[in-house]
Amino acid sequence: LSFLALECLDGSTYSLLMQGKLFATAVFSITIMRTSLNFRQWRALLTLMVAVIQITDQTKPQKGSNEMSAVFVKGLIFTFGNVTISGFSTVVMEKLFKNKSGSLNLWEQNCQLA
């Protein structure tokens, strides 16, 4: 998905949108692992997302070009998919590593990562 998104977006917009991975990881961590965030952490995540939205709004194509707007939206969709999958996989891997019931040795954990 990264390569598809980079075909539709410039590199700076893509790297800025990928900062949403922090927010996605936090949301999946709360829902899957039942962690909690304090007020300062929520405020930091909200500030990050507001900054990403504002800067992305400034970098979108002008209203005169419908074809460029469609390509930009397609890039946003690919990037959103990438962010979501990456955040989900990060939390699932963390949950697997913290799972004490299936005590895996170091070699078995390395095979899981491969």
C-alpha atoms as a PDB file:
ATOM      1  CA  LEU A   1       0.000   0.000   0.000  1.00  0.00           C
ATOM      2  CA  SER A   2       2.911   2.335   0.599  1.00  0.00           C
ATOM      3  CA  PHE A   3       4.000   2.261  -3.024  1.00  0.00           C
ATOM      4  CA  LEU A   4       0.451   2.822  -4.254  1.00  0.00           C
ATOM      5  CA  ALA A   5       0.048   5.769  -1.898  1.00  0.00           C
ATOM      6  CA  LEU A   6       3.382   7.267  -2.973  1.00  0.00           C
ATOM      7  CA  GLU A   7       2.277   7.109  -6.606  1.00  0.00           C
ATOM      8  CA  CYS A   8      -0.649   9.370  -5.712  1.00  0.00           C
ATOM      9  CA  LEU A   9       0.900  11.656  -3.090  1.00  0.00           C
ATOM     10  CA  ASP A  10       4.151  13.524  -2.741  1.00  0.00           C
ATOM     11  CA  GLY A  11       6.654  12.236  -0.211  1.00  0.00           C
ATOM     12  CA  SER A  12       6.177  14.965   2.382  1.00  0.00           C
ATOM     13  CA  THR A  13       2.395  14.539   2.494  1.00  0.00           C
ATOM     14  CA  TYR A  14       2.750  10.772   2.729  1.00  0.00           C
ATOM     15  CA  SER A  15       5.255  10.931   5.595  1.00  0.00           C
ATOM     16  CA  LEU A  16       3.062  13.441   7.413  1.00  0.00           C
ATOM     17  CA  LEU A  17      -0.019  11.228   7.039  1.00  0.00           C
ATOM     18  CA  MET A  18       1.911   8.217   8.303  1.00  0.00           C
ATOM     19  CA  GLN A  19       2.140   9.997  11.666  1.00  0.00           C
ATOM     20  CA  GLY A  20      -1.435   8.822  12.093  1.00  0.00           C
ATOM     21  CA  LYS A  21       0.052   5.415  12.843  1.00  0.00           C
ATOM     22  CA  LEU A  22       0.580   6.635  16.418  1.00  0.00           C
ATOM     23  CA  PHE A  23      -3.118   7.364  16.776  1.00  0.00           C
ATOM     24  CA  ALA A  24      -4.148   4.047  15.209  1.00  0.00           C
ATOM     25  CA  THR A  25      -1.779   2.129  17.464  1.00  0.00           C
ATOM     26  CA  ALA A  26      -3.168   3.910  20.528  1.00  0.00           C
ATOM     27  CA  VAL A  27      -6.769   3.135  19.548  1.00  0.00           C
ATOM     28  CA  PHE A  28      -6.007  -0.537  18.858  1.00  0.00           C
ATOM     29  CA  SER A  29      -4.020  -0.760  22.081  1.00  0.00           C
ATOM     30  CA  ILE A  30      -7.004   0.524  24.038  1.00  0.00           C
ATOM     31  CA  THR A  31      -9.477  -1.806  22.339  1.00  0.00           C
ATOM     32  CA  ILE A  32      -7.389  -4.984  22.097  1.00  0.00           C
ATOM     33  CA  MET A  33      -5.054  -4.817  25.092  1.00  0.00           C
ATOM     34  CA  ARG A  34      -7.354  -2.843  27.402  1.00  0.00           C
ATOM     35  CA  THR A  35      -4.743  -0.204  28.189  1.00  0.00           C
ATOM     36  CA  SER A  36      -5.676   3.276  29.326  1.00  0.00           C
ATOM     37  CA  LEU A  37      -4.263   6.664  28.417  1.00  0.00           C
ATOM     38  CA  ASN A  38      -4.076   9.640  30.721  1.00  0.00           C
ATOM     39  CA  PHE A  39      -5.235  13.122  29.788  1.00  0.00           C
ATOM     40  CA  ARG A  40      -1.791  14.304  28.632  1.00  0.00           C
ATOM     41  CA  GLN A  41      -1.439  11.362  26.255  1.00  0.00           C
ATOM     42  CA  TRP A  42      -4.888  11.957  24.758  1.00  0.00           C
ATOM     43  CA  ARG A  43      -4.090  15.647  24.371  1.00  0.00           C
ATOM     44  CA  ALA A  44      -0.823  14.844  22.586  1.00  0.00           C
ATOM     45  CA  LEU A  45      -2.562  12.425  20.207  1.00  0.00           C
ATOM     46  CA  LEU A  46      -5.328  14.913  19.492  1.00  0.00           C
ATOM     47  CA  THR A  47      -2.813  17.694  18.835  1.00  0.00           C
ATOM     48  CA  LEU A  48      -0.919  15.448  16.433  1.00  0.00           C
ATOM     49  CA  MET A  49      -4.064  14.528  14.511  1.00  0.00           C
ATOM     50  CA  VAL A  50      -5.240  18.151  14.286  1.00  0.00           C
ATOM     51  CA  ALA A  51      -1.832  19.175  12.908  1.00  0.00           C
ATOM     52  CA  VAL A  52      -1.899  16.342  10.354  1.00  0.00           C
ATOM     53  CA  ILE A  53      -5.395  17.310   9.208  1.00  0.00           C
ATOM     54  CA  GLN A  54      -4.549  21.015   8.926  1.00  0.00           C
ATOM     55  CA  ILE A  55      -1.366  20.513   6.943  1.00  0.00           C
ATOM     56  CA  THR A  56      -2.967  17.899   4.680  1.00  0.00           C
ATOM     57  CA  ASP A  57      -5.806  20.318   3.984  1.00  0.00           C
ATOM     58  CA  GLN A  58      -3.262  22.917   2.891  1.00  0.00           C
ATOM     59  CA  THR A  59      -1.425  20.511   0.572  1.00  0.00           C
ATOM     60  CA  LYS A  60      -4.458  19.139  -1.267  1.00  0.00           C
ATOM     61  CA  PRO A  61      -4.830  20.077  -4.963  1.00  0.00           C
ATOM     62  CA  GLN A  62      -6.760  23.182  -5.991  1.00  0.00           C
ATOM     63  CA  LYS A  63     -10.468  22.891  -6.785  1.00  0.00           C
ATOM     64  CA  GLY A  64      -9.984  23.377 -10.538  1.00  0.00           C
ATOM     65  CA  SER A  65      -8.480  19.947 -11.154  1.00  0.00           C
ATOM     66  CA  ASN A  66     -10.914  17.060 -10.613  1.00  0.00           C
ATOM     67  CA  GLU A  67      -8.452  14.439 -11.863  1.00  0.00           C
ATOM     68  CA  MET A  68      -5.761  15.570  -9.425  1.00  0.00           C
ATOM     69  CA  SER A  69      -8.305  15.613  -6.601  1.00  0.00           C
ATOM     70  CA  ALA A  70      -9.336  12.033  -7.381  1.00  0.00           C
ATOM     71  CA  VAL A  71      -5.693  10.918  -7.341  1.00  0.00           C
ATOM     72  CA  PHE A  72      -5.140  12.743  -4.041  1.00  0.00           C
ATOM     73  CA  VAL A  73      -8.169  11.056  -2.455  1.00  0.00           C
ATOM     74  CA  LYS A  74      -6.973   7.675  -3.718  1.00  0.00           C
ATOM     75  CA  GLY A  75      -3.599   8.343  -2.088  1.00  0.00           C
ATOM     76  CA  LEU A  76      -5.333   9.283   1.168  1.00  0.00           C
ATOM     77  CA  ILE A  77      -7.301   6.020   1.120  1.00  0.00           C
ATOM     78  CA  PHE A  78      -4.170   3.944   0.503  1.00  0.00           C
ATOM     79  CA  THR A  79      -2.326   5.767   3.281  1.00  0.00           C
ATOM     80  CA  PHE A  80      -5.238   5.340   5.690  1.00  0.00           C
ATOM     81  CA  GLY A  81      -5.248   1.606   4.929  1.00  0.00           C
ATOM     82  CA  ASN A  82      -1.512   1.426   5.524  1.00  0.00           C
ATOM     83  CA  VAL A  83      -1.816   3.292   8.824  1.00  0.00           C
ATOM     84  CA  THR A  84      -4.660   1.061  10.015  1.00  0.00           C
ATOM     85  CA  ILE A  85      -2.961  -2.222   9.108  1.00  0.00           C
ATOM     86  CA  SER A  86       0.343  -1.104  10.604  1.00  0.00           C
ATOM     87  CA  GLY A  87      -1.229   0.015  13.887  1.00  0.00           C
ATOM     88  CA  PHE A  88      -3.218  -3.200  14.164  1.00  0.00           C
ATOM     89  CA  SER A  89      -0.241  -5.442  13.463  1.00  0.00           C
ATOM     90  CA  THR A  90       1.887  -3.569  16.003  1.00  0.00           C
ATOM     91  CA  VAL A  91      -0.637  -4.161  18.775  1.00  0.00           C
ATOM     92  CA  VAL A  92      -1.194  -7.803  17.828  1.00  0.00           C
ATOM     93  CA  MET A  93       2.551  -8.483  17.879  1.00  0.00           C
ATOM     94  CA  GLU A  94       2.859  -6.778  21.268  1.00  0.00           C
ATOM     95  CA  LYS A  95       0.025  -8.902  22.602  1.00  0.00           C
ATOM     96  CA  LEU A  96       1.703 -12.059  21.293  1.00  0.00           C
ATOM     97  CA  PHE A  97       4.976 -11.155  22.989  1.00  0.00           C
ATOM     98  CA  LYS A  98       3.312 -10.307  26.291  1.00  0.00           C
ATOM     99  CA  ASN A  99       1.288 -13.525  26.295  1.00  0.00           C
ATOM    100  CA  LYS A 100       2.690 -15.536  29.201  1.00  0.00           C
ATOM    101  CA  SER A 101       0.558 -18.650  28.723  1.00  0.00           C
ATOM    102  CA  GLY A 102       2.443 -19.884  25.663  1.00  0.00           C
ATOM    103  CA  SER A 103       5.968 -19.347  27.014  1.00  0.00           C
ATOM    104  CA  LEU A 104       8.005 -19.366  23.813  1.00  0.00           C
ATOM    105  CA  ASN A 105      11.766 -19.452  23.820  1.00  0.00           C
ATOM    106  CA  LEU A 106      13.917 -16.968  21.941  1.00  0.00           C
ATOM    107  CA  TRP A 107      14.159 -19.045  18.755  1.00  0.00           C
ATOM    108  CA  GLU A 108      10.407 -19.516  18.517  1.00  0.00           C
ATOM    109  CA  GLN A 109       9.867 -15.780  18.940  1.00  0.00           C
ATOM    110  CA  ASN A 110      12.401 -15.092  16.161  1.00  0.00           C
ATOM    111  CA  CYS A 111      10.499 -17.455  13.863  1.00  0.00           C
ATOM    112  CA  GLN A 112       7.283 -15.537  14.606  1.00  0.00           C
ATOM    113  CA  LEU A 113       8.950 -12.295  13.562  1.00  0.00           C
ATOM    114  CA  ALA A 114      10.307 -13.757  10.327  1.00  0.00           C
END
